Amino acid sequence: MAEHGQALIMGVDASEKIYRRLQLTVTNPGGHSSIPVPDNAIYHLADGLGRLERYQFPFELNDVNPRLLPAIVGRSKPDSGPKTCS
């Protein structure tokens, strides 16, 4: 939004995406492929991947956000919330 042609806020994105490298290792006595057993390493690995898929990694703020957000809020007017069209 603009007030008298002046910008009210300029958005700043201060986020980072990081990567995480994982190495999954499974072992068991094994067997012969002509007589597969239900307790085999491939199934253990598949179970581990399923647990990893369902895991919710925690939300974390970086060092910039705790300083940036109060500065933005401090410059906001109480009635300058989002505008909607009806």
PDB file of N, CA and C in Angstrom:
ATOM      1  N   MET A   1       0.840  -1.186   0.000  1.00  0.00           N
ATOM      2  CA  MET A   1       0.000   0.000   0.000  1.00  0.00           C
ATOM      3  C   MET A   1       0.885   1.250   0.000  1.00  0.00           C
ATOM      4  N   ALA A   2       0.346   2.332  -0.450  1.00  0.00           N
ATOM      5  CA  ALA A   2       1.075   3.591  -0.457  1.00  0.00           C
ATOM      6  C   ALA A   2       0.185   4.675   0.121  1.00  0.00           C
ATOM      7  N   GLU A   3       0.799   5.582   0.824  1.00  0.00           N
ATOM      8  CA  GLU A   3       0.081   6.700   1.431  1.00  0.00           C
ATOM      9  C   GLU A   3       0.653   7.976   0.836  1.00  0.00           C
ATOM     10  N   HIS A   4      -0.150   8.705   0.096  1.00  0.00           N
ATOM     11  CA  HIS A   4       0.294   9.927  -0.581  1.00  0.00           C
ATOM     12  C   HIS A   4       1.491   9.638  -1.476  1.00  0.00           C
ATOM     13  N   GLY A   5       1.478   8.479  -2.129  1.00  0.00           N
ATOM     14  CA  GLY A   5       2.555   8.143  -3.050  1.00  0.00           C
ATOM     15  C   GLY A   5       3.817   7.634  -2.383  1.00  0.00           C
ATOM     16  N   GLN A   6       3.823   7.514  -1.071  1.00  0.00           N
ATOM     17  CA  GLN A   6       5.012   7.054  -0.353  1.00  0.00           C
ATOM     18  C   GLN A   6       4.837   5.572   0.042  1.00  0.00           C
ATOM     19  N   ALA A   7       5.879   4.824  -0.099  1.00  0.00           N
ATOM     20  CA  ALA A   7       5.832   3.418   0.305  1.00  0.00           C
ATOM     21  C   ALA A   7       5.740   3.340   1.824  1.00  0.00           C
ATOM     22  N   LEU A   8       4.873   2.467   2.308  1.00  0.00           N
ATOM     23  CA  LEU A   8       4.731   2.289   3.751  1.00  0.00           C
ATOM     24  C   LEU A   8       5.696   1.256   4.300  1.00  0.00           C
ATOM     25  N   ILE A   9       5.995   0.264   3.521  1.00  0.00           N
ATOM     26  CA  ILE A   9       6.905  -0.774   3.987  1.00  0.00           C
ATOM     27  C   ILE A   9       7.579  -1.427   2.795  1.00  0.00           C
ATOM     28  N   MET A  10       8.795  -1.803   3.000  1.00  0.00           N
ATOM     29  CA  MET A  10       9.530  -2.540   1.982  1.00  0.00           C
ATOM     30  C   MET A  10       9.904  -3.875   2.604  1.00  0.00           C
ATOM     31  N   GLY A  11       9.410  -4.944   2.041  1.00  0.00           N
ATOM     32  CA  GLY A  11       9.657  -6.266   2.600  1.00  0.00           C
ATOM     33  C   GLY A  11      11.113  -6.691   2.463  1.00  0.00           C
ATOM     34  N   VAL A  12      11.620  -7.320   3.498  1.00  0.00           N
ATOM     35  CA  VAL A  12      12.978  -7.844   3.503  1.00  0.00           C
ATOM     36  C   VAL A  12      12.893  -9.312   3.876  1.00  0.00           C
ATOM     37  N   ASP A  13      13.526 -10.143   3.102  1.00  0.00           N
ATOM     38  CA  ASP A  13      13.538 -11.567   3.394  1.00  0.00           C
ATOM     39  C   ASP A  13      14.925 -11.931   3.898  1.00  0.00           C
ATOM     40  N   ALA A  14      14.983 -12.369   5.124  1.00  0.00           N
ATOM     41  CA  ALA A  14      16.264 -12.734   5.723  1.00  0.00           C
ATOM     42  C   ALA A  14      16.191 -14.178   6.201  1.00  0.00           C
ATOM     43  N   SER A  15      16.075 -15.065   5.266  1.00  0.00           N
ATOM     44  CA  SER A  15      15.975 -16.473   5.636  1.00  0.00           C
ATOM     45  C   SER A  15      17.049 -17.269   4.909  1.00  0.00           C
ATOM     46  N   GLU A  16      17.295 -18.425   5.434  1.00  0.00           N
ATOM     47  CA  GLU A  16      18.275 -19.301   4.823  1.00  0.00           C
ATOM     48  C   GLU A  16      17.695 -20.700   4.737  1.00  0.00           C
ATOM     49  N   LYS A  17      18.041 -21.370   3.687  1.00  0.00           N
ATOM     50  CA  LYS A  17      17.741 -22.794   3.600  1.00  0.00           C
ATOM     51  C   LYS A  17      19.075 -23.504   3.760  1.00  0.00           C
ATOM     52  N   ILE A  18      19.061 -24.483   4.595  1.00  0.00           N
ATOM     53  CA  ILE A  18      20.287 -25.244   4.770  1.00  0.00           C
ATOM     54  C   ILE A  18      20.033 -26.680   4.333  1.00  0.00           C
ATOM     55  N   TYR A  19      21.067 -27.348   4.006  1.00  0.00           N
ATOM     56  CA  TYR A  19      20.919 -28.743   3.632  1.00  0.00           C
ATOM     57  C   TYR A  19      21.389 -29.602   4.790  1.00  0.00           C
ATOM     58  N   ARG A  20      20.934 -30.793   4.802  1.00  0.00           N
ATOM     59  CA  ARG A  20      21.344 -31.743   5.830  1.00  0.00           C
ATOM     60  C   ARG A  20      21.727 -33.028   5.121  1.00  0.00           C
ATOM     61  N   ARG A  21      22.915 -33.461   5.382  1.00  0.00           N
ATOM     62  CA  ARG A  21      23.390 -34.697   4.776  1.00  0.00           C
ATOM     63  C   ARG A  21      23.209 -35.823   5.777  1.00  0.00           C
ATOM     64  N   LEU A  22      22.565 -36.879   5.341  1.00  0.00           N
ATOM     65  CA  LEU A  22      22.335 -38.038   6.190  1.00  0.00           C
ATOM     66  C   LEU A  22      22.918 -39.267   5.516  1.00  0.00           C
ATOM     67  N   GLN A  23      23.462 -40.132   6.313  1.00  0.00           N
ATOM     68  CA  GLN A  23      23.915 -41.413   5.806  1.00  0.00           C
ATOM     69  C   GLN A  23      23.226 -42.488   6.632  1.00  0.00           C
ATOM     70  N   LEU A  24      22.420 -43.286   5.981  1.00  0.00           N
ATOM     71  CA  LEU A  24      21.707 -44.358   6.663  1.00  0.00           C
ATOM     72  C   LEU A  24      22.424 -45.669   6.375  1.00  0.00           C
ATOM     73  N   THR A  25      22.705 -46.412   7.423  1.00  0.00           N
ATOM     74  CA  THR A  25      23.374 -47.699   7.284  1.00  0.00           C
ATOM     75  C   THR A  25      22.564 -48.742   8.022  1.00  0.00           C
ATOM     76  N   VAL A  26      22.260 -49.815   7.367  1.00  0.00           N
ATOM     77  CA  VAL A  26      21.551 -50.923   7.999  1.00  0.00           C
ATOM     78  C   VAL A  26      22.361 -52.201   7.771  1.00  0.00           C
ATOM     79  N   THR A  27      22.366 -53.044   8.775  1.00  0.00           N
ATOM     80  CA  THR A  27      23.059 -54.321   8.653  1.00  0.00           C
ATOM     81  C   THR A  27      22.230 -55.407   9.318  1.00  0.00           C
ATOM     82  N   ASN A  28      22.394 -56.589   8.843  1.00  0.00           N
ATOM     83  CA  ASN A  28      21.839 -57.776   9.490  1.00  0.00           C
ATOM     84  C   ASN A  28      22.529 -58.996   8.887  1.00  0.00           C
ATOM     85  N   PRO A  29      22.287 -60.165   9.423  1.00  0.00           N
ATOM     86  CA  PRO A  29      23.012 -61.337   8.923  1.00  0.00           C
ATOM     87  C   PRO A  29      22.773 -61.642   7.446  1.00  0.00           C
ATOM     88  N   GLY A  30      21.637 -61.214   6.932  1.00  0.00           N
ATOM     89  CA  GLY A  30      21.359 -61.447   5.515  1.00  0.00           C
ATOM     90  C   GLY A  30      20.956 -62.882   5.244  1.00  0.00           C
ATOM     91  N   GLY A  31      21.079 -63.267   4.030  1.00  0.00           N
ATOM     92  CA  GLY A  31      20.692 -64.604   3.617  1.00  0.00           C
ATOM     93  C   GLY A  31      20.853 -64.727   2.118  1.00  0.00           C
ATOM     94  N   HIS A  32      20.200 -65.674   1.573  1.00  0.00           N
ATOM     95  CA  HIS A  32      20.278 -65.887   0.126  1.00  0.00           C
ATOM     96  C   HIS A  32      19.012 -65.326  -0.525  1.00  0.00           C
ATOM     97  N   SER A  33      19.164 -64.713  -1.685  1.00  0.00           N
ATOM     98  CA  SER A  33      18.018 -64.069  -2.326  1.00  0.00           C
ATOM     99  C   SER A  33      16.964 -65.066  -2.784  1.00  0.00           C
ATOM    100  N   SER A  34      17.309 -66.314  -2.895  1.00  0.00           N
ATOM    101  CA  SER A  34      16.296 -67.299  -3.300  1.00  0.00           C
ATOM    102  C   SER A  34      15.386 -67.672  -2.130  1.00  0.00           C
ATOM    103  N   ILE A  35      15.802 -67.327  -0.923  1.00  0.00           N
ATOM    104  CA  ILE A  35      14.974 -67.594   0.264  1.00  0.00           C
ATOM    105  C   ILE A  35      14.935 -66.297   1.096  1.00  0.00           C
ATOM    106  N   PRO A  36      14.193 -65.270   0.632  1.00  0.00           N
ATOM    107  CA  PRO A  36      14.170 -64.003   1.367  1.00  0.00           C
ATOM    108  C   PRO A  36      13.508 -64.167   2.730  1.00  0.00           C
ATOM    109  N   VAL A  37      14.040 -63.464   3.696  1.00  0.00           N
ATOM    110  CA  VAL A  37      13.482 -63.490   5.051  1.00  0.00           C
ATOM    111  C   VAL A  37      12.798 -62.164   5.326  1.00  0.00           C
ATOM    112  N   PRO A  38      11.764 -62.148   6.172  1.00  0.00           N
ATOM    113  CA  PRO A  38      11.059 -60.892   6.448  1.00  0.00           C
ATOM    114  C   PRO A  38      11.923 -59.876   7.197  1.00  0.00           C
ATOM    115  N   ASP A  39      12.906 -60.336   7.936  1.00  0.00           N
ATOM    116  CA  ASP A  39      13.773 -59.437   8.699  1.00  0.00           C
ATOM    117  C   ASP A  39      15.050 -59.188   7.891  1.00  0.00           C
ATOM    118  N   ASN A  40      14.928 -58.337   6.857  1.00  0.00           N
ATOM    119  CA  ASN A  40      16.122 -58.077   6.047  1.00  0.00           C
ATOM    120  C   ASN A  40      16.457 -56.590   6.040  1.00  0.00           C
ATOM    121  N   ALA A  41      17.678 -56.293   5.657  1.00  0.00           N
ATOM    122  CA  ALA A  41      18.200 -54.928   5.727  1.00  0.00           C
ATOM    123  C   ALA A  41      17.422 -53.954   4.848  1.00  0.00           C
ATOM    124  N   ILE A  42      16.947 -54.409   3.714  1.00  0.00           N
ATOM    125  CA  ILE A  42      16.207 -53.518   2.811  1.00  0.00           C
ATOM    126  C   ILE A  42      14.928 -53.034   3.491  1.00  0.00           C
ATOM    127  N   TYR A  43      14.223 -53.918   4.195  1.00  0.00           N
ATOM    128  CA  TYR A  43      12.999 -53.507   4.888  1.00  0.00           C
ATOM    129  C   TYR A  43      13.309 -52.563   6.048  1.00  0.00           C
ATOM    130  N   HIS A  44      14.413 -52.807   6.730  1.00  0.00           N
ATOM    131  CA  HIS A  44      14.812 -51.896   7.811  1.00  0.00           C
ATOM    132  C   HIS A  44      15.134 -50.506   7.254  1.00  0.00           C
ATOM    133  N   LEU A  45      15.811 -50.462   6.120  1.00  0.00           N
ATOM    134  CA  LEU A  45      16.116 -49.181   5.482  1.00  0.00           C
ATOM    135  C   LEU A  45      14.827 -48.483   5.048  1.00  0.00           C
ATOM    136  N   ALA A  46      13.896 -49.220   4.472  1.00  0.00           N
ATOM    137  CA  ALA A  46      12.617 -48.635   4.048  1.00  0.00           C
ATOM    138  C   ALA A  46      11.862 -48.079   5.251  1.00  0.00           C
ATOM    139  N   ASP A  47      11.867 -48.813   6.373  1.00  0.00           N
ATOM    140  CA  ASP A  47      11.210 -48.306   7.583  1.00  0.00           C
ATOM    141  C   ASP A  47      11.865 -47.018   8.063  1.00  0.00           C
ATOM    142  N   GLY A  48      13.192 -46.972   8.027  1.00  0.00           N
ATOM    143  CA  GLY A  48      13.905 -45.763   8.438  1.00  0.00           C
ATOM    144  C   GLY A  48      13.584 -44.576   7.549  1.00  0.00           C
ATOM    145  N   LEU A  49      13.493 -44.800   6.249  1.00  0.00           N
ATOM    146  CA  LEU A  49      13.134 -43.712   5.333  1.00  0.00           C
ATOM    147  C   LEU A  49      11.716 -43.228   5.588  1.00  0.00           C
ATOM    148  N   GLY A  50      10.820 -44.148   5.915  1.00  0.00           N
ATOM    149  CA  GLY A  50       9.444 -43.755   6.252  1.00  0.00           C
ATOM    150  C   GLY A  50       9.397 -42.895   7.507  1.00  0.00           C
ATOM    151  N   ARG A  51      10.183 -43.256   8.517  1.00  0.00           N
ATOM    152  CA  ARG A  51      10.232 -42.435   9.742  1.00  0.00           C
ATOM    153  C   ARG A  51      10.827 -41.067   9.447  1.00  0.00           C
ATOM    154  N   LEU A  52      11.839 -41.016   8.593  1.00  0.00           N
ATOM    155  CA  LEU A  52      12.431 -39.731   8.219  1.00  0.00           C
ATOM    156  C   LEU A  52      11.427 -38.867   7.470  1.00  0.00           C
ATOM    157  N   GLU A  53      10.632 -39.475   6.611  1.00  0.00           N
ATOM    158  CA  GLU A  53       9.604 -38.736   5.865  1.00  0.00           C
ATOM    159  C   GLU A  53       8.584 -38.104   6.806  1.00  0.00           C
ATOM    160  N   ARG A  54       8.210 -38.782   7.858  1.00  0.00           N
ATOM    161  CA  ARG A  54       7.190 -38.288   8.788  1.00  0.00           C
ATOM    162  C   ARG A  54       7.743 -37.339   9.848  1.00  0.00           C
ATOM    163  N   TYR A  55       9.048 -37.252   9.979  1.00  0.00           N
ATOM    164  CA  TYR A  55       9.650 -36.406  11.005  1.00  0.00           C
ATOM    165  C   TYR A  55       9.415 -34.928  10.687  1.00  0.00           C
ATOM    166  N   GLN A  56       9.006 -34.174  11.668  1.00  0.00           N
ATOM    167  CA  GLN A  56       8.807 -32.732  11.510  1.00  0.00           C
ATOM    168  C   GLN A  56      10.025 -32.009  12.079  1.00  0.00           C
ATOM    169  N   PHE A  57      10.853 -31.475  11.212  1.00  0.00           N
ATOM    170  CA  PHE A  57      12.034 -30.751  11.670  1.00  0.00           C
ATOM    171  C   PHE A  57      11.591 -29.472  12.382  1.00  0.00           C
ATOM    172  N   PRO A  58      12.288 -29.077  13.440  1.00  0.00           N
ATOM    173  CA  PRO A  58      11.863 -27.906  14.214  1.00  0.00           C
ATOM    174  C   PRO A  58      12.049 -26.604  13.429  1.00  0.00           C
ATOM    175  N   PHE A  59      11.165 -25.658  13.710  1.00  0.00           N
ATOM    176  CA  PHE A  59      11.237 -24.317  13.137  1.00  0.00           C
ATOM    177  C   PHE A  59      12.295 -23.537  13.904  1.00  0.00           C
ATOM    178  N   GLU A  60      13.178 -22.865  13.200  1.00  0.00           N
ATOM    179  CA  GLU A  60      14.236 -22.104  13.850  1.00  0.00           C
ATOM    180  C   GLU A  60      14.340 -20.723  13.218  1.00  0.00           C
ATOM    181  N   LEU A  61      14.526 -19.722  14.054  1.00  0.00           N
ATOM    182  CA  LEU A  61      14.781 -18.370  13.563  1.00  0.00           C
ATOM    183  C   LEU A  61      16.282 -18.152  13.475  1.00  0.00           C
ATOM    184  N   ASN A  62      16.699 -17.408  12.446  1.00  0.00           N
ATOM    185  CA  ASN A  62      18.114 -17.057  12.378  1.00  0.00           C
ATOM    186  C   ASN A  62      18.357 -15.791  13.194  1.00  0.00           C
ATOM    187  N   ASP A  63      19.576 -15.282  13.222  1.00  0.00           N
ATOM    188  CA  ASP A  63      19.932 -14.128  14.056  1.00  0.00           C
ATOM    189  C   ASP A  63      19.266 -12.830  13.614  1.00  0.00           C
ATOM    190  N   VAL A  64      18.859 -12.737  12.363  1.00  0.00           N
ATOM    191  CA  VAL A  64      18.304 -11.487  11.839  1.00  0.00           C
ATOM    192  C   VAL A  64      16.847 -11.293  12.266  1.00  0.00           C
ATOM    193  N   ASN A  65      16.044 -12.326  12.218  1.00  0.00           N
ATOM    194  CA  ASN A  65      14.608 -12.186  12.447  1.00  0.00           C
ATOM    195  C   ASN A  65      14.226 -11.574  13.794  1.00  0.00           C
ATOM    196  N   PRO A  66      14.838 -11.956  14.921  1.00  0.00           N
ATOM    197  CA  PRO A  66      14.438 -11.337  16.188  1.00  0.00           C
ATOM    198  C   PRO A  66      14.661  -9.823  16.229  1.00  0.00           C
ATOM    199  N   ARG A  67      15.586  -9.308  15.440  1.00  0.00           N
ATOM    200  CA  ARG A  67      15.810  -7.852  15.392  1.00  0.00           C
ATOM    201  C   ARG A  67      14.950  -7.184  14.325  1.00  0.00           C
ATOM    202  N   LEU A  68      14.687  -7.901  13.232  1.00  0.00           N
ATOM    203  CA  LEU A  68      13.960  -7.317  12.112  1.00  0.00           C
ATOM    204  C   LEU A  68      12.473  -7.178  12.399  1.00  0.00           C
ATOM    205  N   LEU A  69      11.856  -8.194  12.964  1.00  0.00           N
ATOM    206  CA  LEU A  69      10.408  -8.162  13.172  1.00  0.00           C
ATOM    207  C   LEU A  69       9.956  -7.030  14.093  1.00  0.00           C
ATOM    208  N   PRO A  70      10.582  -6.789  15.260  1.00  0.00           N
ATOM    209  CA  PRO A  70      10.162  -5.650  16.081  1.00  0.00           C
ATOM    210  C   PRO A  70      10.338  -4.308  15.370  1.00  0.00           C
ATOM    211  N   ALA A  71      11.361  -4.191  14.531  1.00  0.00           N
ATOM    212  CA  ALA A  71      11.566  -2.939  13.796  1.00  0.00           C
ATOM    213  C   ALA A  71      10.427  -2.695  12.814  1.00  0.00           C
ATOM    214  N   ILE A  72       9.964  -3.752  12.159  1.00  0.00           N
ATOM    215  CA  ILE A  72       8.845  -3.610  11.222  1.00  0.00           C
ATOM    216  C   ILE A  72       7.571  -3.267  11.975  1.00  0.00           C
ATOM    217  N   VAL A  73       7.313  -3.964  13.074  1.00  0.00           N
ATOM    218  CA  VAL A  73       6.109  -3.710  13.861  1.00  0.00           C
ATOM    219  C   VAL A  73       6.129  -2.296  14.426  1.00  0.00           C
ATOM    220  N   GLY A  74       7.283  -1.831  14.854  1.00  0.00           N
ATOM    221  CA  GLY A  74       7.399  -0.480  15.400  1.00  0.00           C
ATOM    222  C   GLY A  74       7.065   0.605  14.393  1.00  0.00           C
ATOM    223  N   ARG A  75       7.207   0.330  13.115  1.00  0.00           N
ATOM    224  CA  ARG A  75       6.897   1.315  12.074  1.00  0.00           C
ATOM    225  C   ARG A  75       5.472   1.190  11.557  1.00  0.00           C
ATOM    226  N   SER A  76       4.758   0.164  12.013  1.00  0.00           N
ATOM    227  CA  SER A  76       3.385  -0.064  11.535  1.00  0.00           C
ATOM    228  C   SER A  76       2.403   0.804  12.292  1.00  0.00           C
ATOM    229  N   LYS A  77       1.340   1.175  11.607  1.00  0.00           N
ATOM    230  CA  LYS A  77       0.243   1.883  12.249  1.00  0.00           C
ATOM    231  C   LYS A  77      -0.784   0.844  12.670  1.00  0.00           C
ATOM    232  N   PRO A  78      -1.488   1.049  13.776  1.00  0.00           N
ATOM    233  CA  PRO A  78      -2.464   0.056  14.232  1.00  0.00           C
ATOM    234  C   PRO A  78      -3.514  -0.308  13.198  1.00  0.00           C
ATOM    235  N   ASP A  79      -3.899   0.640  12.354  1.00  0.00           N
ATOM    236  CA  ASP A  79      -4.953   0.360  11.365  1.00  0.00           C
ATOM    237  C   ASP A  79      -4.382  -0.013  10.000  1.00  0.00           C
ATOM    238  N   SER A  80      -3.096  -0.307   9.898  1.00  0.00           N
ATOM    239  CA  SER A  80      -2.503  -0.562   8.591  1.00  0.00           C
ATOM    240  C   SER A  80      -2.414  -2.054   8.281  1.00  0.00           C
ATOM    241  N   GLY A  81      -3.350  -2.839   8.810  1.00  0.00           N
ATOM    242  CA  GLY A  81      -3.370  -4.273   8.563  1.00  0.00           C
ATOM    243  C   GLY A  81      -3.724  -4.571   7.116  1.00  0.00           C
ATOM    244  N   PRO A  82      -3.762  -5.846   6.781  1.00  0.00           N
ATOM    245  CA  PRO A  82      -4.059  -6.220   5.398  1.00  0.00           C
ATOM    246  C   PRO A  82      -5.438  -5.739   4.953  1.00  0.00           C
ATOM    247  N   LYS A  83      -5.524  -5.290   3.745  1.00  0.00           N
ATOM    248  CA  LYS A  83      -6.792  -4.822   3.176  1.00  0.00           C
ATOM    249  C   LYS A  83      -7.384  -5.953   2.347  1.00  0.00           C
ATOM    250  N   THR A  84      -8.669  -6.100   2.413  1.00  0.00           N
ATOM    251  CA  THR A  84      -9.354  -7.121   1.633  1.00  0.00           C
ATOM    252  C   THR A  84     -10.405  -6.461   0.740  1.00  0.00           C
ATOM    253  N   CYS A  85     -10.652  -7.094  -0.368  1.00  0.00           N
ATOM    254  CA  CYS A  85     -11.698  -6.624  -1.284  1.00  0.00           C
ATOM    255  C   CYS A  85     -12.928  -7.471  -1.081  1.00  0.00           C
ATOM    256  N   SER A  86     -14.101  -6.833  -1.072  1.00  0.00           N
ATOM    257  CA  SER A  86     -15.342  -7.634  -0.902  1.00  0.00           C
ATOM    258  C   SER A  86     -16.100  -7.702  -2.199  1.00  0.00           C
TER     259      SER A  86
END
